[in-house]
Amino acid sequence: MSEGTERVVVVTGAGSGIGAAVAHRFAAEGAAVVLVGRTREKLDRTAATAPDGGTFLARTADLTVPDEVDALIASVVADLGRLDVLVNNAGVPSLGTVETVTPEEWRAVMAIDLDAVYHTSRASIRHLRATGGCIVNVGSTAGLGGDHGMVAYNTAKGALVNLTRAMALDHSPEVRVNAVHPGFTLNTGITAGATPEAPLVRAFAERIPFGRVAEPEEVAGVVAFLAGPDARYVTGAQIPVDGGLGAMSGQPRIVV
């Protein structure tokens, strides 16, 4: 670990979007950031595009395989000497109802969006306890309410809410566990290619009090807060990063 580095941070799904933005934010704050994903090329691009440089180590792993996850976390601690923050960001989208989502699709979503969080947290918790570290789970507004035609994704992200709460209770006060829940966010693996002018993006923006969708860096800022000293008395929290969407009752505007 380079001289002056204060924390070691593991970010899953770090190859693009929110994961890359989170990695860049922690690196700018002086942390050594371990980028985790399935594709080395994408992880290397995250490291190369960091605006302020930083200390990055890329590690490829299949987070649905417990033995690979155990080996990953063990290698991080062996190489860097400690683990301070785990950001569980890896996730995959899914569209469909219980009639149209196949059992294989259902299992694939659960394996990444939920099971992988269990695997990485299980492997990391004793190391985080040793440093007084924390876990930040990246959920979704889809976990805070239902959506049309997103049954598997809604289910996985909804379960992540209570997994976060349960871990927060089980491991307080040694390890804090919190979650952020982004709404529609540009430039992620799920929204790749979308622009503010696209009809779907405009439809989202029209319902959001801020009048626009989120940028990955705005989510990264909340993750950094939850992992930082200002949130030292915060655990089990579920923070929407949605431009005020969740504050709405769903009714149309009555007074202009």
C-alpha atoms as a PDB file:
ATOM      1  CA  MET A   1       0.000   0.000   0.000  1.00  0.00           C
ATOM      2  CA  SER A   2       1.381   3.395  -0.975  1.00  0.00           C
ATOM      3  CA  GLU A   3       2.588   5.826   1.667  1.00  0.00           C
ATOM      4  CA  GLY A   4      -0.178   8.047   3.005  1.00  0.00           C
ATOM      5  CA  THR A   5      -3.023   5.736   2.041  1.00  0.00           C
ATOM      6  CA  GLU A   6      -5.548   5.759   4.866  1.00  0.00           C
ATOM      7  CA  ARG A   7      -8.120   3.163   3.849  1.00  0.00           C
ATOM      8  CA  VAL A   8      -8.518   0.079   1.692  1.00  0.00           C
ATOM      9  CA  VAL A   9     -11.806   0.030  -0.212  1.00  0.00           C
ATOM     10  CA  VAL A  10     -13.273  -2.825  -2.267  1.00  0.00           C
ATOM     11  CA  VAL A  11     -15.803  -1.800  -4.921  1.00  0.00           C
ATOM     12  CA  THR A  12     -17.689  -4.503  -6.813  1.00  0.00           C
ATOM     13  CA  GLY A  13     -19.101  -3.816 -10.243  1.00  0.00           C
ATOM     14  CA  ALA A  14     -16.353  -1.210 -10.635  1.00  0.00           C
ATOM     15  CA  GLY A  15     -16.031  -1.435 -14.403  1.00  0.00           C
ATOM     16  CA  SER A  16     -18.486   1.337 -15.246  1.00  0.00           C
ATOM     17  CA  GLY A  17     -21.212   3.679 -14.061  1.00  0.00           C
ATOM     18  CA  ILE A  18     -21.822   4.062 -10.345  1.00  0.00           C
ATOM     19  CA  GLY A  19     -19.077   1.594  -9.439  1.00  0.00           C
ATOM     20  CA  ALA A  20     -16.465   3.516 -11.419  1.00  0.00           C
ATOM     21  CA  ALA A  21     -17.632   6.823  -9.952  1.00  0.00           C
ATOM     22  CA  VAL A  22     -17.454   5.395  -6.427  1.00  0.00           C
ATOM     23  CA  ALA A  23     -13.941   4.087  -7.084  1.00  0.00           C
ATOM     24  CA  HIS A  24     -12.804   7.471  -8.399  1.00  0.00           C
ATOM     25  CA  ARG A  25     -14.285   9.249  -5.369  1.00  0.00           C
ATOM     26  CA  PHE A  26     -12.508   7.049  -2.830  1.00  0.00           C
ATOM     27  CA  ALA A  27      -9.228   7.250  -4.729  1.00  0.00           C
ATOM     28  CA  ALA A  28      -9.468  11.051  -4.730  1.00  0.00           C
ATOM     29  CA  GLU A  29      -9.835  10.867  -0.951  1.00  0.00           C
ATOM     30  CA  GLY A  30      -6.568   8.944  -0.674  1.00  0.00           C
ATOM     31  CA  ALA A  31      -7.797   5.362  -0.395  1.00  0.00           C
ATOM     32  CA  ALA A  32      -6.336   2.322  -2.087  1.00  0.00           C
ATOM     33  CA  VAL A  33      -9.239   1.052  -4.183  1.00  0.00           C
ATOM     34  CA  VAL A  34      -9.663  -2.553  -5.253  1.00  0.00           C
ATOM     35  CA  LEU A  35     -11.722  -2.685  -8.440  1.00  0.00           C
ATOM     36  CA  VAL A  36     -13.726  -5.902  -8.720  1.00  0.00           C
ATOM     37  CA  GLY A  37     -15.562  -7.180 -11.782  1.00  0.00           C
ATOM     38  CA  ARG A  38     -15.648  -9.917 -14.369  1.00  0.00           C
ATOM     39  CA  THR A  39     -13.835  -8.073 -17.164  1.00  0.00           C
ATOM     40  CA  ARG A  40     -10.269  -6.900 -16.627  1.00  0.00           C
ATOM     41  CA  GLU A  41     -10.429  -4.498 -19.576  1.00  0.00           C
ATOM     42  CA  LYS A  42     -13.291  -2.544 -17.999  1.00  0.00           C
ATOM     43  CA  LEU A  43     -11.550  -2.395 -14.635  1.00  0.00           C
ATOM     44  CA  ASP A  44      -8.363  -1.113 -16.250  1.00  0.00           C
ATOM     45  CA  ARG A  45     -10.397   1.573 -18.010  1.00  0.00           C
ATOM     46  CA  THR A  46     -11.840   2.693 -14.668  1.00  0.00           C
ATOM     47  CA  ALA A  47      -8.333   3.067 -13.270  1.00  0.00           C
ATOM     48  CA  ALA A  48      -7.058   4.848 -16.378  1.00  0.00           C
ATOM     49  CA  THR A  49      -9.913   7.364 -16.467  1.00  0.00           C
ATOM     50  CA  ALA A  50      -9.680   8.478 -12.836  1.00  0.00           C
ATOM     51  CA  PRO A  51      -9.527  12.289 -12.962  1.00  0.00           C
ATOM     52  CA  ASP A  52      -7.067  12.609 -10.078  1.00  0.00           C
ATOM     53  CA  GLY A  53      -5.066   9.442 -10.515  1.00  0.00           C
ATOM     54  CA  GLY A  54      -5.116   7.285  -7.421  1.00  0.00           C
ATOM     55  CA  THR A  55      -4.110   3.860  -6.182  1.00  0.00           C
ATOM     56  CA  PHE A  56      -6.061   1.095  -7.922  1.00  0.00           C
ATOM     57  CA  LEU A  57      -5.766  -2.679  -7.969  1.00  0.00           C
ATOM     58  CA  ALA A  58      -7.913  -4.677 -10.382  1.00  0.00           C
ATOM     59  CA  ARG A  59      -9.263  -8.084  -9.380  1.00  0.00           C
ATOM     60  CA  THR A  60     -11.498 -10.257 -11.543  1.00  0.00           C
ATOM     61  CA  ALA A  61     -13.899 -12.632  -9.834  1.00  0.00           C
ATOM     62  CA  ASP A  62     -17.255 -14.305 -10.244  1.00  0.00           C
ATOM     63  CA  LEU A  63     -19.106 -13.031  -7.201  1.00  0.00           C
ATOM     64  CA  THR A  64     -21.680 -15.809  -7.443  1.00  0.00           C
ATOM     65  CA  VAL A  65     -19.010 -18.394  -6.536  1.00  0.00           C
ATOM     66  CA  PRO A  66     -18.278 -18.391  -2.785  1.00  0.00           C
ATOM     67  CA  ASP A  67     -14.779 -19.854  -3.111  1.00  0.00           C
ATOM     68  CA  GLU A  68     -13.782 -17.135  -5.578  1.00  0.00           C
ATOM     69  CA  VAL A  69     -15.120 -14.454  -3.265  1.00  0.00           C
ATOM     70  CA  ASP A  70     -13.274 -15.889  -0.273  1.00  0.00           C
ATOM     71  CA  ALA A  71     -10.047 -15.969  -2.282  1.00  0.00           C
ATOM     72  CA  LEU A  72     -10.607 -12.416  -3.516  1.00  0.00           C
ATOM     73  CA  ILE A  73     -11.028 -10.908  -0.058  1.00  0.00           C
ATOM     74  CA  ALA A  74      -8.166 -12.953   1.365  1.00  0.00           C
ATOM     75  CA  SER A  75      -5.868 -11.690  -1.393  1.00  0.00           C
ATOM     76  CA  VAL A  76      -6.860  -8.066  -0.735  1.00  0.00           C
ATOM     77  CA  VAL A  77      -6.013  -8.343   2.955  1.00  0.00           C
ATOM     78  CA  ALA A  78      -2.801 -10.244   2.205  1.00  0.00           C
ATOM     79  CA  ASP A  79      -1.641  -7.668  -0.343  1.00  0.00           C
ATOM     80  CA  LEU A  80      -2.785  -4.462   1.359  1.00  0.00           C
ATOM     81  CA  GLY A  81      -2.805  -5.465   5.008  1.00  0.00           C
ATOM     82  CA  ARG A  82      -6.370  -4.479   5.856  1.00  0.00           C
ATOM     83  CA  LEU A  83      -9.913  -3.856   4.651  1.00  0.00           C
ATOM     84  CA  ASP A  84     -11.863  -0.740   5.647  1.00  0.00           C
ATOM     85  CA  VAL A  85     -14.810  -0.405   3.277  1.00  0.00           C
ATOM     86  CA  LEU A  86     -16.805  -2.833   1.141  1.00  0.00           C
ATOM     87  CA  VAL A  87     -19.087  -1.295  -1.482  1.00  0.00           C
ATOM     88  CA  ASN A  88     -21.488  -3.889  -2.880  1.00  0.00           C
ATOM     89  CA  ASN A  89     -22.394  -2.313  -6.202  1.00  0.00           C
ATOM     90  CA  ALA A  90     -22.457  -5.191  -8.705  1.00  0.00           C
ATOM     91  CA  GLY A  91     -25.882  -5.786 -10.172  1.00  0.00           C
ATOM     92  CA  VAL A  92     -27.806  -6.809 -13.260  1.00  0.00           C
ATOM     93  CA  PRO A  93     -31.194  -5.584 -14.541  1.00  0.00           C
ATOM     94  CA  SER A  94     -34.183  -7.671 -15.451  1.00  0.00           C
ATOM     95  CA  LEU A  95     -37.470  -7.017 -17.212  1.00  0.00           C
ATOM     96  CA  GLY A  96     -40.538  -9.238 -17.045  1.00  0.00           C
ATOM     97  CA  THR A  97     -43.381 -10.528 -14.909  1.00  0.00           C
ATOM     98  CA  VAL A  98     -43.754 -13.835 -13.094  1.00  0.00           C
ATOM     99  CA  GLU A  99     -45.293 -15.141 -16.308  1.00  0.00           C
ATOM    100  CA  THR A 100     -42.439 -14.107 -18.575  1.00  0.00           C
ATOM    101  CA  VAL A 101     -39.272 -14.299 -16.460  1.00  0.00           C
ATOM    102  CA  THR A 102     -37.783 -17.765 -16.797  1.00  0.00           C
ATOM    103  CA  PRO A 103     -36.458 -19.680 -13.793  1.00  0.00           C
ATOM    104  CA  GLU A 104     -32.956 -19.278 -15.234  1.00  0.00           C
ATOM    105  CA  GLU A 105     -33.354 -15.496 -15.527  1.00  0.00           C
ATOM    106  CA  TRP A 106     -34.798 -15.280 -12.020  1.00  0.00           C
ATOM    107  CA  ARG A 107     -31.905 -17.233 -10.537  1.00  0.00           C
ATOM    108  CA  ALA A 108     -29.321 -15.164 -12.430  1.00  0.00           C
ATOM    109  CA  VAL A 109     -30.709 -11.902 -11.028  1.00  0.00           C
ATOM    110  CA  MET A 110     -30.823 -13.257  -7.481  1.00  0.00           C
ATOM    111  CA  ALA A 111     -27.296 -14.625  -7.809  1.00  0.00           C
ATOM    112  CA  ILE A 112     -25.763 -11.227  -8.638  1.00  0.00           C
ATOM    113  CA  ASP A 113     -28.086  -8.680  -7.044  1.00  0.00           C
ATOM    114  CA  LEU A 114     -28.570 -10.514  -3.741  1.00  0.00           C
ATOM    115  CA  ASP A 115     -26.461 -13.641  -3.259  1.00  0.00           C
ATOM    116  CA  ALA A 116     -23.228 -11.868  -4.229  1.00  0.00           C
ATOM    117  CA  VAL A 117     -23.817  -9.299  -1.484  1.00  0.00           C
ATOM    118  CA  TYR A 118     -24.116 -12.134   1.020  1.00  0.00           C
ATOM    119  CA  HIS A 119     -20.928 -13.795  -0.272  1.00  0.00           C
ATOM    120  CA  THR A 120     -18.780 -10.642  -0.208  1.00  0.00           C
ATOM    121  CA  SER A 121     -20.128  -9.498   3.156  1.00  0.00           C
ATOM    122  CA  ARG A 122     -19.601 -12.915   4.716  1.00  0.00           C
ATOM    123  CA  ALA A 123     -16.005 -13.020   3.483  1.00  0.00           C
ATOM    124  CA  SER A 124     -15.271  -9.444   4.587  1.00  0.00           C
ATOM    125  CA  ILE A 125     -16.975  -9.013   7.932  1.00  0.00           C
ATOM    126  CA  ARG A 126     -14.173 -10.221  10.209  1.00  0.00           C
ATOM    127  CA  HIS A 127     -11.650  -8.029   8.403  1.00  0.00           C
ATOM    128  CA  LEU A 128     -13.957  -5.027   8.661  1.00  0.00           C
ATOM    129  CA  ARG A 129     -14.455  -5.721  12.350  1.00  0.00           C
ATOM    130  CA  ALA A 130     -10.699  -5.541  12.836  1.00  0.00           C
ATOM    131  CA  THR A 131     -10.543  -2.027  11.353  1.00  0.00           C
ATOM    132  CA  GLY A 132     -13.891  -0.680  12.530  1.00  0.00           C
ATOM    133  CA  GLY A 133     -14.899  -0.619   8.892  1.00  0.00           C
ATOM    134  CA  CYS A 134     -18.195  -0.532   7.090  1.00  0.00           C
ATOM    135  CA  ILE A 135     -20.316  -1.876   4.246  1.00  0.00           C
ATOM    136  CA  VAL A 136     -22.301   0.245   1.813  1.00  0.00           C
ATOM    137  CA  ASN A 137     -24.797  -1.622  -0.348  1.00  0.00           C
ATOM    138  CA  VAL A 138     -25.959  -0.048  -3.597  1.00  0.00           C
ATOM    139  CA  GLY A 139     -29.622  -0.890  -3.971  1.00  0.00           C
ATOM    140  CA  SER A 140     -32.230   0.875  -6.068  1.00  0.00           C
ATOM    141  CA  THR A 141     -35.474   2.774  -5.768  1.00  0.00           C
ATOM    142  CA  ALA A 142     -36.804  -0.451  -7.302  1.00  0.00           C
ATOM    143  CA  GLY A 143     -36.192  -1.993  -3.879  1.00  0.00           C
ATOM    144  CA  LEU A 144     -38.307   0.618  -2.118  1.00  0.00           C
ATOM    145  CA  GLY A 145     -41.439   0.091  -4.201  1.00  0.00           C
ATOM    146  CA  GLY A 146     -42.843  -1.883  -7.080  1.00  0.00           C
ATOM    147  CA  ASP A 147     -42.426  -1.257 -10.812  1.00  0.00           C
ATOM    148  CA  HIS A 148     -44.290  -2.540 -13.827  1.00  0.00           C
ATOM    149  CA  GLY A 149     -42.550  -5.511 -15.423  1.00  0.00           C
ATOM    150  CA  MET A 150     -39.511  -5.710 -13.122  1.00  0.00           C
ATOM    151  CA  VAL A 151     -40.507  -8.514 -10.792  1.00  0.00           C
ATOM    152  CA  ALA A 152     -37.083 -10.159 -10.360  1.00  0.00           C
ATOM    153  CA  TYR A 153     -35.191  -6.891  -9.963  1.00  0.00           C
ATOM    154  CA  ASN A 154     -37.796  -5.510  -7.536  1.00  0.00           C
ATOM    155  CA  THR A 155     -37.583  -8.682  -5.479  1.00  0.00           C
ATOM    156  CA  ALA A 156     -33.784  -8.778  -5.296  1.00  0.00           C
ATOM    157  CA  LYS A 157     -33.407  -5.099  -4.454  1.00  0.00           C
ATOM    158  CA  GLY A 158     -36.255  -5.285  -1.941  1.00  0.00           C
ATOM    159  CA  ALA A 159     -34.515  -8.152  -0.175  1.00  0.00           C
ATOM    160  CA  LEU A 160     -31.305  -6.107  -0.118  1.00  0.00           C
ATOM    161  CA  VAL A 161     -33.091  -3.526   2.035  1.00  0.00           C
ATOM    162  CA  ASN A 162     -33.714  -6.013   4.830  1.00  0.00           C
ATOM    163  CA  LEU A 163     -30.357  -7.735   4.373  1.00  0.00           C
ATOM    164  CA  THR A 164     -28.781  -4.354   5.056  1.00  0.00           C
ATOM    165  CA  ARG A 165     -30.883  -3.858   8.177  1.00  0.00           C
ATOM    166  CA  ALA A 166     -30.200  -7.358   9.481  1.00  0.00           C
ATOM    167  CA  MET A 167     -26.435  -7.040   9.025  1.00  0.00           C
ATOM    168  CA  ALA A 168     -26.495  -3.609  10.662  1.00  0.00           C
ATOM    169  CA  LEU A 169     -28.123  -5.094  13.756  1.00  0.00           C
ATOM    170  CA  ASP A 170     -25.984  -8.216  13.852  1.00  0.00           C
ATOM    171  CA  HIS A 171     -22.659  -6.416  13.587  1.00  0.00           C
ATOM    172  CA  SER A 172     -23.199  -3.161  15.502  1.00  0.00           C
ATOM    173  CA  PRO A 173     -21.293  -1.322  16.728  1.00  0.00           C
ATOM    174  CA  GLU A 174     -18.126  -2.832  15.266  1.00  0.00           C
ATOM    175  CA  VAL A 175     -19.216  -2.729  11.592  1.00  0.00           C
ATOM    176  CA  ARG A 176     -21.679  -0.240  10.160  1.00  0.00           C
ATOM    177  CA  VAL A 177     -23.905  -1.370   7.266  1.00  0.00           C
ATOM    178  CA  ASN A 178     -25.952   1.077   5.178  1.00  0.00           C
ATOM    179  CA  ALA A 179     -27.510   1.287   1.722  1.00  0.00           C
ATOM    180  CA  VAL A 180     -28.044   3.896  -0.974  1.00  0.00           C
ATOM    181  CA  HIS A 181     -30.909   3.554  -3.420  1.00  0.00           C
ATOM    182  CA  PRO A 182     -30.379   5.398  -6.697  1.00  0.00           C
ATOM    183  CA  GLY A 183     -33.182   6.182  -9.076  1.00  0.00           C
ATOM    184  CA  PHE A 184     -32.632   6.290 -12.842  1.00  0.00           C
ATOM    185  CA  THR A 185     -28.942   7.117 -13.291  1.00  0.00           C
ATOM    186  CA  LEU A 186     -27.204   7.912 -16.561  1.00  0.00           C
ATOM    187  CA  ASN A 187     -24.057   6.214 -17.850  1.00  0.00           C
ATOM    188  CA  THR A 188     -24.421   2.934 -15.982  1.00  0.00           C
ATOM    189  CA  GLY A 189     -24.373  -0.618 -17.293  1.00  0.00           C
ATOM    190  CA  ILE A 190     -28.163  -0.629 -17.101  1.00  0.00           C
ATOM    191  CA  THR A 191     -28.671   2.727 -18.831  1.00  0.00           C
ATOM    192  CA  ALA A 192     -25.722   2.612 -21.245  1.00  0.00           C
ATOM    193  CA  GLY A 193     -26.337   4.717 -24.332  1.00  0.00           C
ATOM    194  CA  ALA A 194     -29.227   6.685 -22.844  1.00  0.00           C
ATOM    195  CA  THR A 195     -29.092  10.475 -23.156  1.00  0.00           C
ATOM    196  CA  PRO A 196     -31.090  13.210 -21.402  1.00  0.00           C
ATOM    197  CA  GLU A 197     -33.016  13.694 -24.666  1.00  0.00           C
ATOM    198  CA  ALA A 198     -34.102  10.056 -24.991  1.00  0.00           C
ATOM    199  CA  PRO A 199     -37.883   9.569 -24.615  1.00  0.00           C
ATOM    200  CA  LEU A 200     -37.548   7.171 -21.669  1.00  0.00           C
ATOM    201  CA  VAL A 201     -35.118   9.452 -19.839  1.00  0.00           C
ATOM    202  CA  ARG A 202     -37.405  12.435 -20.427  1.00  0.00           C
ATOM    203  CA  ALA A 203     -40.336  10.426 -19.085  1.00  0.00           C
ATOM    204  CA  PHE A 204     -38.406   9.739 -15.896  1.00  0.00           C
ATOM    205  CA  ALA A 205     -37.261  13.343 -15.604  1.00  0.00           C
ATOM    206  CA  GLU A 206     -40.843  14.621 -15.869  1.00  0.00           C
ATOM    207  CA  ARG A 207     -41.778  12.681 -12.719  1.00  0.00           C
ATOM    208  CA  ILE A 208     -38.711  13.684 -10.682  1.00  0.00           C
ATOM    209  CA  PRO A 209     -38.989  16.891  -8.620  1.00  0.00           C
ATOM    210  CA  PHE A 210     -35.432  17.845  -9.637  1.00  0.00           C
ATOM    211  CA  GLY A 211     -36.522  17.641 -13.266  1.00  0.00           C
ATOM    212  CA  ARG A 212     -33.645  15.411 -14.320  1.00  0.00           C
ATOM    213  CA  VAL A 213     -32.138  11.989 -13.706  1.00  0.00           C
ATOM    214  CA  ALA A 214     -29.002  11.334 -11.641  1.00  0.00           C
ATOM    215  CA  GLU A 215     -25.338  11.239 -12.568  1.00  0.00           C
ATOM    216  CA  PRO A 216     -23.121   8.454 -11.141  1.00  0.00           C
ATOM    217  CA  GLU A 217     -20.998  10.975  -9.250  1.00  0.00           C
ATOM    218  CA  GLU A 218     -24.050  12.106  -7.273  1.00  0.00           C
ATOM    219  CA  VAL A 219     -24.580   8.577  -6.011  1.00  0.00           C
ATOM    220  CA  ALA A 220     -20.870   8.211  -5.271  1.00  0.00           C
ATOM    221  CA  GLY A 221     -20.994  11.242  -2.998  1.00  0.00           C
ATOM    222  CA  VAL A 222     -23.631   9.624  -0.785  1.00  0.00           C
ATOM    223  CA  VAL A 223     -21.668   6.358  -0.688  1.00  0.00           C
ATOM    224  CA  ALA A 224     -18.574   8.298   0.401  1.00  0.00           C
ATOM    225  CA  PHE A 225     -20.565  10.036   3.140  1.00  0.00           C
ATOM    226  CA  LEU A 226     -21.879   6.738   4.527  1.00  0.00           C
ATOM    227  CA  ALA A 227     -18.366   5.293   4.536  1.00  0.00           C
ATOM    228  CA  GLY A 228     -16.846   8.369   6.146  1.00  0.00           C
ATOM    229  CA  PRO A 229     -16.408   9.699   9.690  1.00  0.00           C
ATOM    230  CA  ASP A 230     -19.392  12.045   9.476  1.00  0.00           C
ATOM    231  CA  ALA A 231     -21.641   8.952   9.340  1.00  0.00           C
ATOM    232  CA  ARG A 232     -19.960   7.202  12.258  1.00  0.00           C
ATOM    233  CA  TYR A 233     -23.283   6.968  14.152  1.00  0.00           C
ATOM    234  CA  VAL A 234     -25.304   5.845  11.122  1.00  0.00           C
ATOM    235  CA  THR A 235     -26.127   2.196  10.504  1.00  0.00           C
ATOM    236  CA  GLY A 236     -29.044   0.381   8.942  1.00  0.00           C
ATOM    237  CA  ALA A 237     -29.940   3.498   6.937  1.00  0.00           C
ATOM    238  CA  GLN A 238     -31.664   3.383   3.558  1.00  0.00           C
ATOM    239  CA  ILE A 239     -30.923   6.590   1.656  1.00  0.00           C
ATOM    240  CA  PRO A 240     -32.747   7.248  -1.631  1.00  0.00           C
ATOM    241  CA  VAL A 241     -30.725   9.173  -4.204  1.00  0.00           C
ATOM    242  CA  ASP A 242     -33.670   9.963  -6.435  1.00  0.00           C
ATOM    243  CA  GLY A 243     -34.086  13.715  -6.791  1.00  0.00           C
ATOM    244  CA  GLY A 244     -37.130  13.650  -4.515  1.00  0.00           C
ATOM    245  CA  LEU A 245     -39.104  11.008  -6.415  1.00  0.00           C
ATOM    246  CA  GLY A 246     -39.784   8.965  -3.293  1.00  0.00           C
ATOM    247  CA  ALA A 247     -41.255  11.999  -1.533  1.00  0.00           C
ATOM    248  CA  MET A 248     -44.190  12.051  -3.943  1.00  0.00           C
ATOM    249  CA  SER A 249     -47.595  10.552  -3.226  1.00  0.00           C
ATOM    250  CA  GLY A 250     -48.037   9.689  -6.909  1.00  0.00           C
ATOM    251  CA  GLN A 251     -50.883  12.108  -7.418  1.00  0.00           C
ATOM    252  CA  PRO A 252     -50.722  14.750 -10.184  1.00  0.00           C
ATOM    253  CA  ARG A 253     -49.795  18.354  -9.466  1.00  0.00           C
ATOM    254  CA  ILE A 254     -52.861  20.215  -8.148  1.00  0.00           C
ATOM    255  CA  VAL A 255     -51.421  23.717  -7.601  1.00  0.00           C
ATOM    256  CA  VAL A 256     -49.085  25.224 -10.195  1.00  0.00           C
END
